[in-house]
Amino acid sequence: MRRRRQARWVWLVWAGWALGPIAHGDGALPNARVLGVSESVLNYCGPRDPTAAHRLRQKIEQLVQGASAQQLAEVRNSDEYRKAYDSVVDFAAKIDEHNVKRFCAETPR
């Protein structure tokens, strides 16, 4: 059961990465849910896996490209962003330390 939950989160994060650039391709605001998940995973994996953190930073840069600081602040202050960010925080708190590297490594490239 726990493995399925972890696999589902990895898939959701991957789907967010895959769809994020499509949703933001025309200069529109970045998707709040995708950005929230992405930044939360970065916050979690950053100190634990520098290679994964580097990949995540690059993806986030692509996601927010073209958005102004004000637009990003609006997105980050939205309920959708906060819920997505917090859901990853809640999930990550349950990851066994032996699986941390795997979780971070399986974030999309």
Protein backbone atom coordinates (compact mmCIF):
# COMPACT_ATOMS: atom_id res chain seq x y z
CA MET A 1 0.00 0.00 0.00
CA ARG A 2 2.76 2.44 0.94
CA ARG A 3 4.69 1.64 -2.22
CA ARG A 4 1.64 2.34 -4.35
CA ARG A 5 1.16 5.69 -2.65
CA GLN A 6 4.79 6.60 -3.29
CA ALA A 7 4.58 5.44 -6.89
CA ARG A 8 1.42 7.49 -7.37
CA TRP A 9 3.15 10.64 -6.07
CA VAL A 10 6.13 10.09 -8.30
CA TRP A 11 3.74 9.73 -11.23
CA LEU A 12 1.83 12.88 -10.25
CA VAL A 13 5.05 14.87 -9.98
CA TRP A 14 6.16 13.53 -13.34
CA ALA A 15 2.82 14.37 -14.93
CA GLY A 16 3.08 17.87 -13.52
CA TRP A 17 6.53 18.31 -15.01
CA ALA A 18 5.41 16.96 -18.34
CA LEU A 19 2.32 19.14 -18.56
CA GLY A 20 3.75 22.25 -16.93
CA PRO A 21 5.55 23.64 -19.99
CA ILE A 22 2.47 22.99 -22.13
CA ALA A 23 0.25 24.91 -19.74
CA HIS A 24 2.70 27.80 -19.62
CA GLY A 25 3.83 27.80 -23.24
CA ASP A 26 2.07 30.98 -24.35
CA GLY A 27 3.16 33.36 -21.60
CA ALA A 28 0.22 32.55 -19.33
CA LEU A 29 0.71 32.17 -15.60
CA PRO A 30 2.41 28.96 -14.55
CA ASN A 31 0.04 26.31 -13.24
CA ALA A 32 -0.21 26.85 -9.47
CA ARG A 33 -0.52 23.15 -8.67
CA VAL A 34 2.46 22.18 -10.81
CA LEU A 35 4.58 24.99 -9.38
CA GLY A 36 3.56 24.14 -5.82
CA VAL A 37 4.44 20.47 -6.22
CA SER A 38 7.69 21.31 -8.01
CA GLU A 39 8.91 23.81 -5.46
CA SER A 40 7.93 21.58 -2.56
CA VAL A 41 9.81 18.62 -4.03
CA LEU A 42 12.81 20.92 -4.55
CA ASN A 43 12.61 22.08 -0.94
CA TYR A 44 12.56 18.47 0.22
CA CYS A 45 15.15 17.01 -2.16
CA GLY A 46 17.51 19.98 -2.28
CA PRO A 47 19.50 19.17 0.85
CA ARG A 48 19.23 15.42 0.28
CA ASP A 49 20.12 14.99 -3.39
CA PRO A 50 22.03 17.83 -5.11
CA THR A 51 21.75 16.23 -8.55
CA ALA A 52 17.97 15.98 -8.32
CA ALA A 53 17.84 19.52 -6.92
CA HIS A 54 19.73 20.84 -9.93
CA ARG A 55 17.26 19.14 -12.31
CA LEU A 56 14.33 20.50 -10.33
CA ARG A 57 15.69 24.06 -10.42
CA GLN A 58 16.03 23.85 -14.20
CA LYS A 59 12.47 22.60 -14.57
CA ILE A 60 11.13 25.35 -12.30
CA GLU A 61 13.04 27.95 -14.33
CA GLN A 62 11.33 26.66 -17.46
CA LEU A 63 7.97 26.68 -15.74
CA VAL A 64 8.19 30.28 -14.54
CA GLN A 65 9.93 31.65 -17.62
CA GLY A 66 8.25 34.81 -18.82
CA ALA A 67 6.21 35.37 -15.67
CA SER A 68 6.76 38.58 -13.72
CA ALA A 69 7.65 38.65 -10.03
CA GLN A 70 4.14 39.93 -9.31
CA GLN A 71 2.53 37.11 -11.28
CA LEU A 72 4.64 34.53 -9.47
CA ALA A 73 3.73 36.05 -6.12
CA GLU A 74 0.04 35.77 -7.03
CA VAL A 75 0.46 32.14 -8.05
CA ARG A 76 2.42 31.31 -4.88
CA ASN A 77 -0.20 33.00 -2.72
CA SER A 78 -3.06 31.02 -4.26
CA ASP A 79 -4.90 28.28 -2.40
CA GLU A 80 -4.16 25.84 -5.20
CA TYR A 81 -0.40 26.42 -4.88
CA ARG A 82 -0.46 26.13 -1.09
CA LYS A 83 -2.52 22.95 -1.13
CA ALA A 84 -0.20 21.36 -3.69
CA TYR A 85 2.92 22.45 -1.79
CA ASP A 86 1.55 21.22 1.52
CA SER A 87 0.43 17.90 0.07
CA VAL A 88 4.03 17.14 -0.93
CA VAL A 89 5.25 18.23 2.52
CA ASP A 90 2.76 15.83 4.11
CA PHE A 91 3.72 13.02 1.77
CA ALA A 92 7.47 13.57 2.11
CA ALA A 93 7.20 13.45 5.89
CA LYS A 94 6.11 9.83 5.53
CA ILE A 95 8.97 8.73 3.26
CA ASP A 96 11.26 6.26 4.93
CA GLU A 97 14.85 7.56 4.98
CA HIS A 98 15.93 4.55 2.93
CA ASN A 99 13.67 5.70 0.09
CA VAL A 100 14.57 9.40 0.02
CA LYS A 101 17.23 9.10 -2.69
CA ARG A 102 14.88 7.02 -4.79
CA PHE A 103 12.04 9.51 -4.43
CA CYS A 104 14.29 12.41 -5.40
CA ALA A 105 15.98 10.51 -8.22
CA GLU A 106 12.64 9.52 -9.74
CA THR A 107 11.47 13.07 -10.13
CA PRO A 108 11.23 13.80 -13.86
CA ARG A 109 14.27 14.84 -15.79
